[in-house]
Amino acid sequence: IIARLDELDSFGVTSKAGKRVGVDTALQVAAVFACVNVLANGCAQPPLHVWRQLGDGRRQLARNLRIYRILHRRPNAWMTSFEFRRTMTAHAALTNNAFAFKNRVNGEIRELIPIMPGNVTIEELPDHETRYVIADDRGDIVGRFGRRDVLHLRGISWDGHRGADLVRLARDAIGLSIATEESQSKLHANGGKPGGILTTSESLGPEQLEQIRQAWQRRFAGSGNAFGTAVLDKGMDFKSLSMTGVDAQTLESRKHQVEEVCRFFNVFPQMVMQSDKSSTYASAEAFFGAHVRQTLAPWHELWKQTLDEFLLDGAGPLYVDFDIRELTKASIADREAFYRTVTEMGIYTRNEIREMEGLEPIAGLDEPLTPRNMGTGNEGG
């Protein structure tokens, strides 16, 4: 089952603003695209590893398993792990559903193939199992499959079987954004709003008024002719118009719609380049940390539990985990102070610190340091 990844379903609903809102039109809204991009990259950027839990509490990378390479590097013949996770997360962010077919050879999973969300119909069976009816791009049914054959990344759900379509839920917020952008685009394209008013004390006939109007329209209409120099005759005067309350409301509406869209995606406005003059570097750094904890962490947990239960053995010892050290790494000065403290107290070994920094271990640095001036109450001497 191969779905074309360069197309998204165009089914949509009409918003209160009178605009049809579907996946294709929603992605044309800058705030929607930015939110989806932030979520998709946040789930695709951290390396994804398959770990094996050992009996002594330690863990090791399960590099000897085929599933490790599928998840970590290449889920199928034409996609990398980064591309696969970014595509799947984009599907889930927009529709709260992402699907991939588990292609097996002799019972072993050999590849994961993304399926367009619009090509899958979810059926709830009497025993509470879920069945996936998959169709091709023409609408012809290809087959019916269960969770054994379909990897389903499900976002927020009402019935526990299918995710609630976010584009439909946010249709009014997205529709108003589309309507606002269209009105502004038409305004600049047509030059319909005057930057001022031409006045004269002379009496002009309809033909003269029409000639002046057409001449003015040819010379100054459209964004390409903005800020041109006007030459007036017949005692004419140009009175400039300042921004009206309607103009101010339009600008405020555009800013407000960005925040409304961000609320639906649970993305901080700062992450989609929406900020105000009161923002500082310190506040931005705090928002970046909050973004990882409040926005990306639930998505990472969704990925991990879905892969653990419906791709791996579920009960262990195999499990997946994201390496988010690059997303949470502090400044060099802060890391230096932290490493010094936890190393001198014997909490971390020096090789563990080197591993946190992506460095190879060094012989002799596996033993924790023990401060000579500290000890437990049971120690003698």
Protein backbone atom coordinates (compact mmCIF):
# COMPACT_ATOMS: atom_id res chain seq x y z
CA ILE A 1 0.00 0.00 0.00
CA ILE A 2 1.74 3.13 -1.18
CA ALA A 3 0.25 6.56 -0.54
CA ARG A 4 1.47 9.65 -2.35
CA LEU A 5 3.10 11.81 0.30
CA ASP A 6 3.11 14.98 -1.78
CA GLU A 7 -0.67 15.33 -1.60
CA LEU A 8 -3.00 16.00 1.31
CA ASP A 9 -6.71 15.36 1.36
CA SER A 10 -8.78 18.37 0.32
CA PHE A 11 -11.95 17.55 2.22
CA GLY A 12 -13.08 20.58 4.14
CA VAL A 13 -15.85 22.29 6.02
CA THR A 14 -17.20 25.82 5.73
CA SER A 15 -16.35 28.20 8.54
CA LYS A 16 -18.52 31.00 9.88
CA ALA A 17 -16.39 33.41 7.86
CA GLY A 18 -17.67 31.67 4.72
CA LYS A 19 -14.34 30.08 3.83
CA ARG A 20 -13.83 26.40 3.13
CA VAL A 21 -11.30 25.01 5.56
CA GLY A 22 -9.51 21.77 4.76
CA VAL A 23 -6.03 20.42 5.23
CA ASP A 24 -4.82 22.01 2.00
CA THR A 25 -6.26 25.47 2.74
CA ALA A 26 -5.28 25.34 6.42
CA LEU A 27 -1.62 24.83 5.55
CA GLN A 28 -1.71 28.05 3.51
CA VAL A 29 -2.27 29.98 6.75
CA ALA A 30 1.15 30.97 8.05
CA ALA A 31 0.29 30.32 11.71
CA VAL A 32 -1.06 26.83 10.96
CA PHE A 33 1.95 25.89 8.85
CA ALA A 34 4.33 27.22 11.50
CA CYS A 35 2.60 25.27 14.30
CA VAL A 36 2.62 22.03 12.29
CA ASN A 37 6.24 22.60 11.33
CA VAL A 38 7.26 23.19 14.96
CA LEU A 39 5.53 20.02 16.15
CA ALA A 40 6.76 17.89 13.25
CA ASN A 41 10.38 19.01 13.61
CA GLY A 42 10.19 18.65 17.39
CA CYS A 43 9.33 14.95 16.96
CA ALA A 44 11.71 14.35 14.05
CA GLN A 45 14.84 16.12 15.28
CA PRO A 46 15.67 14.12 18.45
CA PRO A 47 17.33 10.77 17.65
CA LEU A 48 15.00 7.82 18.29
CA HIS A 49 16.66 4.76 19.84
CA VAL A 50 15.52 1.24 20.63
CA TRP A 51 16.83 0.15 24.04
CA ARG A 52 17.05 -3.25 25.72
CA GLN A 53 16.52 -3.31 29.48
CA LEU A 54 19.08 -5.54 31.18
CA GLY A 55 18.56 -7.54 34.34
CA ASP A 56 20.93 -5.47 36.47
CA GLY A 57 19.04 -2.22 35.84
CA ARG A 58 21.32 -1.06 33.06
CA ARG A 59 20.27 -0.69 29.44
CA GLN A 60 21.95 -1.05 26.08
CA LEU A 61 21.13 -0.04 22.52
CA ALA A 62 19.49 -2.87 20.55
CA ARG A 63 21.53 -2.18 17.43
CA ASN A 64 21.54 -5.86 16.46
CA LEU A 65 17.78 -5.81 15.72
CA ARG A 66 16.29 -4.86 12.36
CA ILE A 67 13.64 -2.75 14.07
CA TYR A 68 16.40 -0.52 15.47
CA ARG A 69 17.52 0.56 12.01
CA ILE A 70 13.90 0.92 10.85
CA LEU A 71 13.08 3.39 13.63
CA HIS A 72 16.47 5.05 14.01
CA ARG A 73 17.50 5.45 10.38
CA ARG A 74 15.36 4.11 7.55
CA PRO A 75 11.73 3.03 7.98
CA ASN A 76 11.30 2.34 4.26
CA ALA A 77 13.17 2.47 0.97
CA TRP A 78 12.54 6.16 0.24
CA MET A 79 12.40 7.88 3.63
CA THR A 80 14.74 8.54 6.50
CA SER A 81 13.61 8.31 10.10
CA PHE A 82 13.55 12.11 10.27
CA GLU A 83 11.29 12.36 7.22
CA PHE A 84 9.02 9.55 8.39
CA ARG A 85 8.48 11.01 11.86
CA ARG A 86 8.02 14.52 10.48
CA THR A 87 5.40 13.33 7.98
CA MET A 88 3.54 11.21 10.53
CA THR A 89 3.54 14.01 13.11
CA ALA A 90 2.29 16.51 10.51
CA HIS A 91 -0.60 14.17 9.70
CA ALA A 92 -1.38 13.72 13.39
CA ALA A 93 -1.11 17.45 14.13
CA LEU A 94 -3.64 18.37 11.45
CA THR A 95 -6.08 15.44 11.69
CA ASN A 96 -5.13 13.87 15.07
CA ASN A 97 -4.58 10.64 13.13
CA ALA A 98 -1.47 9.27 11.44
CA PHE A 99 -1.23 5.82 9.89
CA ALA A 100 1.59 3.59 8.68
CA PHE A 101 1.33 0.10 7.24
CA LYS A 102 3.59 -2.52 8.81
CA ASN A 103 4.98 -4.38 5.83
CA ARG A 104 6.04 -7.85 7.02
CA VAL A 105 8.17 -10.53 5.40
CA ASN A 106 7.94 -13.95 7.03
CA GLY A 107 6.22 -12.34 9.99
CA GLU A 108 8.99 -9.78 10.63
CA ILE A 109 8.43 -6.06 10.09
CA ARG A 110 10.64 -4.89 7.24
CA GLU A 111 9.32 -1.38 6.65
CA LEU A 112 6.77 1.21 7.74
CA ILE A 113 4.79 2.89 4.95
CA PRO A 114 2.81 6.08 5.75
CA ILE A 115 -0.80 6.17 4.57
CA MET A 116 -2.70 9.34 3.82
CA PRO A 117 -5.23 10.02 6.62
CA GLY A 118 -7.99 10.62 4.09
CA ASN A 119 -7.51 7.09 2.72
CA VAL A 120 -8.31 5.37 6.03
CA THR A 121 -11.71 4.76 7.60
CA ILE A 122 -11.78 3.59 11.21
CA GLU A 123 -14.38 1.03 12.28
CA GLU A 124 -15.13 0.06 15.88
CA LEU A 125 -15.85 -3.66 16.22
CA PRO A 126 -18.23 -5.16 18.84
CA ASP A 127 -15.28 -6.47 20.90
CA HIS A 128 -13.87 -2.90 21.09
CA GLU A 129 -11.17 -3.75 18.60
CA THR A 130 -10.34 -1.25 15.87
CA ARG A 131 -10.37 -2.08 12.17
CA TYR A 132 -8.83 0.10 9.50
CA VAL A 133 -10.41 0.17 6.05
CA ILE A 134 -7.76 1.42 3.64
CA ALA A 135 -8.57 2.78 0.18
CA ASP A 136 -6.38 3.93 -2.67
CA ASP A 137 -6.37 7.42 -4.16
CA ARG A 138 -9.35 6.54 -6.38
CA GLY A 139 -11.42 5.51 -3.37
CA ASP A 140 -11.31 1.77 -4.07
CA ILE A 141 -10.93 -0.35 -0.92
CA VAL A 142 -7.56 -2.07 -0.74
CA GLY A 143 -8.17 -4.07 2.42
CA ARG A 144 -9.27 -4.21 6.06
CA PHE A 145 -6.61 -4.48 8.72
CA GLY A 146 -6.19 -4.53 12.51
CA ARG A 147 -3.64 -2.99 14.86
CA ARG A 148 -1.22 -5.79 14.03
CA ASP A 149 -0.84 -4.40 10.52
CA VAL A 150 -1.43 -0.68 11.01
CA LEU A 151 0.55 1.67 13.22
CA HIS A 152 -1.92 4.33 14.38
CA LEU A 153 -0.61 7.51 15.98
CA ARG A 154 -3.77 8.89 17.56
CA GLY A 155 -4.06 12.38 19.01
CA ILE A 156 -6.79 13.65 21.31
CA SER A 157 -9.83 11.42 20.92
CA TRP A 158 -13.46 11.38 22.06
CA ASP A 159 -14.26 7.69 21.54
CA GLY A 160 -10.78 6.20 21.96
CA HIS A 161 -10.69 4.84 18.42
CA ARG A 162 -10.28 7.86 16.15
CA GLY A 163 -8.62 11.21 16.77
CA ALA A 164 -10.75 14.35 16.64
CA ASP A 165 -10.03 16.18 13.36
CA LEU A 166 -8.25 19.35 14.50
CA VAL A 167 -8.82 21.21 11.23
CA ARG A 168 -12.56 20.75 11.65
CA LEU A 169 -12.44 21.78 15.30
CA ALA A 170 -10.43 24.91 14.49
CA ARG A 171 -12.31 25.72 11.28
CA ASP A 172 -13.65 29.08 12.51
CA ALA A 173 -10.27 30.31 13.78
CA ILE A 174 -8.54 29.17 10.59
CA GLY A 175 -11.39 30.44 8.39
CA LEU A 176 -11.21 33.90 9.90
CA SER A 177 -7.46 33.93 9.31
CA ILE A 178 -8.02 33.03 5.66
CA ALA A 179 -10.72 35.72 5.26
CA THR A 180 -8.52 38.37 6.89
CA GLU A 181 -5.55 37.51 4.68
CA GLU A 182 -7.71 37.59 1.56
CA SER A 183 -9.18 40.98 2.41
CA GLN A 184 -5.72 42.44 2.99
CA SER A 185 -4.39 40.91 -0.21
CA LYS A 186 -7.23 42.34 -2.27
CA LEU A 187 -6.74 45.72 -0.63
CA HIS A 188 -3.08 45.90 -1.68
CA ALA A 189 -3.70 44.40 -5.10
CA ASN A 190 -6.50 46.81 -6.02
CA GLY A 191 -5.32 49.87 -4.17
CA GLY A 192 -8.94 50.39 -3.17
CA LYS A 193 -8.23 52.23 0.06
CA PRO A 194 -7.12 55.83 -0.50
CA GLY A 195 -4.19 57.17 1.44
CA GLY A 196 -5.93 60.53 1.30
CA ILE A 197 -8.66 62.59 -0.37
CA LEU A 198 -8.41 64.90 -3.40
CA THR A 199 -10.37 68.11 -2.95
CA THR A 200 -10.91 71.22 -5.11
CA SER A 201 -13.00 74.36 -4.89
CA GLU A 202 -13.84 74.21 -8.59
CA SER A 203 -16.91 72.57 -9.99
CA LEU A 204 -16.10 69.48 -12.04
CA GLY A 205 -18.40 67.56 -14.32
CA PRO A 206 -18.86 63.79 -14.29
CA GLU A 207 -16.46 63.30 -17.20
CA GLN A 208 -13.72 65.33 -15.54
CA LEU A 209 -14.17 63.46 -12.26
CA GLU A 210 -13.95 60.15 -14.10
CA GLN A 211 -10.80 61.22 -15.95
CA ILE A 212 -9.13 62.30 -12.70
CA ARG A 213 -10.19 59.07 -11.01
CA GLN A 214 -8.80 56.90 -13.79
CA ALA A 215 -5.56 58.86 -13.99
CA TRP A 216 -5.09 58.60 -10.22
CA GLN A 217 -5.91 54.87 -10.31
CA ARG A 218 -3.36 54.19 -13.06
CA ARG A 219 -0.64 56.13 -11.30
CA PHE A 220 -1.09 55.11 -7.69
CA ALA A 221 -3.19 51.91 -7.51
CA GLY A 222 -1.52 48.71 -6.34
CA SER A 223 1.33 48.07 -3.96
CA GLY A 224 3.89 48.55 -6.75
CA ASN A 225 2.89 52.22 -7.13
CA ALA A 226 2.78 53.04 -3.45
CA PHE A 227 4.55 56.16 -2.19
CA GLY A 228 4.65 57.77 -5.64
CA THR A 229 4.80 61.55 -6.13
CA ALA A 230 1.52 63.24 -7.05
CA VAL A 231 1.36 66.43 -9.19
CA LEU A 232 -1.96 68.28 -8.80
CA ASP A 233 -3.59 71.06 -10.81
CA LYS A 234 -6.92 72.94 -10.95
CA GLY A 235 -6.49 74.07 -7.36
CA MET A 236 -6.60 70.52 -6.04
CA ASP A 237 -5.42 69.63 -2.57
CA PHE A 238 -4.51 66.24 -1.11
CA LYS A 239 -5.46 65.51 2.49
CA SER A 240 -3.69 62.51 3.98
CA LEU A 241 -5.76 60.03 5.98
CA SER A 242 -4.35 58.52 9.13
CA MET A 243 -4.99 54.93 10.17
CA THR A 244 -8.62 54.44 11.08
CA GLY A 245 -10.08 52.31 13.82
CA VAL A 246 -10.99 49.70 11.21
CA ASP A 247 -7.35 49.48 10.12
CA ALA A 248 -6.19 49.07 13.71
CA GLN A 249 -8.81 46.36 14.29
CA THR A 250 -7.62 44.51 11.18
CA LEU A 251 -4.04 44.44 12.45
CA GLU A 252 -5.19 43.34 15.89
CA SER A 253 -7.36 40.63 14.36
CA ARG A 254 -4.41 39.24 12.43
CA LYS A 255 -2.31 39.09 15.60
CA HIS A 256 -5.16 37.62 17.59
CA GLN A 257 -5.78 34.87 15.04
CA VAL A 258 -2.17 33.75 15.34
CA GLU A 259 -2.71 33.25 19.06
CA GLU A 260 -6.04 31.50 18.44
CA VAL A 261 -4.40 29.03 16.06
CA CYS A 262 -1.56 28.45 18.55
CA ARG A 263 -4.10 27.60 21.25
CA PHE A 264 -5.53 24.79 19.14
CA PHE A 265 -2.08 23.33 18.51
CA ASN A 266 -0.82 23.94 22.08
CA VAL A 267 2.17 25.86 20.71
CA PHE A 268 3.57 28.97 22.36
CA PRO A 269 3.27 32.00 20.01
CA GLN A 270 6.98 32.68 20.49
CA MET A 271 7.73 29.39 18.72
CA VAL A 272 5.99 30.63 15.54
CA MET A 273 7.81 33.98 15.59
CA GLN A 274 4.93 35.86 17.25
CA SER A 275 6.27 38.06 20.01
CA ASP A 276 5.95 41.51 21.51
CA LYS A 277 8.38 44.25 22.44
CA SER A 278 8.42 43.21 26.11
CA SER A 279 10.09 39.87 25.32
CA THR A 280 13.69 39.48 26.45
CA TYR A 281 16.33 36.84 25.91
CA ALA A 282 15.67 35.44 29.37
CA SER A 283 11.94 35.16 28.78
CA ALA A 284 12.51 33.62 25.35
CA GLU A 285 14.85 31.02 26.86
CA ALA A 286 12.21 30.18 29.46
CA PHE A 287 9.61 29.76 26.72
CA PHE A 288 11.93 27.42 24.81
CA GLY A 289 12.22 25.23 27.89
CA ALA A 290 8.46 25.35 28.45
CA HIS A 291 7.95 24.40 24.81
CA VAL A 292 9.91 21.18 25.33
CA ARG A 293 8.10 20.31 28.57
CA GLN A 294 4.56 21.43 27.78
CA THR A 295 4.29 21.04 23.99
CA LEU A 296 6.77 18.43 22.79
CA ALA A 297 6.81 16.11 25.82
CA PRO A 298 3.19 14.91 25.28
CA TRP A 299 3.96 14.22 21.61
CA HIS A 300 7.14 12.33 22.52
CA GLU A 301 5.21 10.25 25.05
CA LEU A 302 2.53 9.51 22.44
CA TRP A 303 5.19 8.29 20.03
CA LYS A 304 6.96 6.19 22.67
CA GLN A 305 3.90 4.44 24.04
CA THR A 306 2.47 3.80 20.57
CA LEU A 307 5.73 2.27 19.33
CA ASP A 308 6.29 0.28 22.53
CA GLU A 309 2.83 -1.28 22.59
CA PHE A 310 2.01 -1.69 18.91
CA LEU A 311 5.40 -2.14 17.24
CA LEU A 312 7.67 -3.71 19.87
CA ASP A 313 6.82 -6.42 22.38
CA GLY A 314 5.02 -4.07 24.78
CA ALA A 315 5.98 -5.96 27.93
CA GLY A 316 9.70 -5.44 27.47
CA PRO A 317 12.62 -5.71 27.56
CA LEU A 318 12.63 -3.57 24.39
CA TYR A 319 11.46 0.02 24.45
CA VAL A 320 12.04 3.26 22.53
CA ASP A 321 13.20 6.62 23.79
CA PHE A 322 13.97 10.04 22.35
CA ASP A 323 17.36 11.62 22.97
CA ILE A 324 16.31 15.18 23.79
CA ARG A 325 19.61 16.36 25.24
CA GLU A 326 20.14 18.87 22.44
CA LEU A 327 16.67 20.32 23.05
CA THR A 328 17.23 20.76 26.77
CA LYS A 329 20.93 21.61 26.82
CA ALA A 330 21.74 24.67 28.92
CA SER A 331 24.45 27.23 28.29
CA ILE A 332 28.11 26.24 28.62
CA ALA A 333 28.48 28.12 31.92
CA ASP A 334 25.39 26.48 33.41
CA ARG A 335 26.46 23.01 32.28
CA GLU A 336 29.94 23.53 33.68
CA ALA A 337 28.57 24.46 37.10
CA PHE A 338 26.14 21.53 37.11
CA TYR A 339 28.73 18.98 35.99
CA ARG A 340 31.24 20.12 38.58
CA THR A 341 28.71 19.86 41.40
CA VAL A 342 27.30 16.42 40.55
CA THR A 343 30.77 15.01 39.77
CA GLU A 344 32.38 16.21 42.99
CA MET A 345 29.45 14.86 45.00
CA GLY A 346 29.79 11.47 43.32
CA ILE A 347 26.31 11.54 41.79
CA TYR A 348 27.65 11.10 38.23
CA THR A 349 30.88 9.56 37.05
CA ARG A 350 33.11 11.56 34.77
CA ASN A 351 32.40 9.21 31.87
CA GLU A 352 28.68 9.73 32.37
CA ILE A 353 29.30 13.46 32.05
CA ARG A 354 31.31 12.83 28.87
CA GLU A 355 28.40 10.79 27.50
CA MET A 356 26.03 13.71 28.16
CA GLU A 357 28.32 15.86 26.03
CA GLY A 358 28.49 13.27 23.25
CA LEU A 359 32.12 12.31 23.98
CA GLU A 360 33.70 8.87 24.07
CA PRO A 361 34.51 7.36 27.50
CA ILE A 362 38.06 7.40 28.88
CA ALA A 363 39.56 4.53 30.82
CA GLY A 364 39.68 5.16 34.58
CA LEU A 365 36.80 7.63 34.71
CA ASP A 366 34.03 5.13 35.51
CA GLU A 367 34.36 5.35 39.28
CA PRO A 368 32.41 8.07 41.12
CA LEU A 369 34.42 10.56 43.12
CA THR A 370 34.05 10.50 46.91
CA PRO A 371 34.75 13.74 48.80
CA ARG A 372 37.16 13.09 51.70
CA ASN A 373 35.37 15.50 54.01
CA MET A 374 31.99 13.73 53.66
CA GLY A 375 30.63 10.31 54.65
CA THR A 376 27.68 8.42 56.11
CA GLY A 377 26.87 8.05 59.81
CA ASN A 378 27.78 4.37 59.78
CA GLU A 379 31.33 4.91 58.49
CA GLY A 380 34.12 4.58 61.04
CA GLY A 381 37.56 6.12 61.26
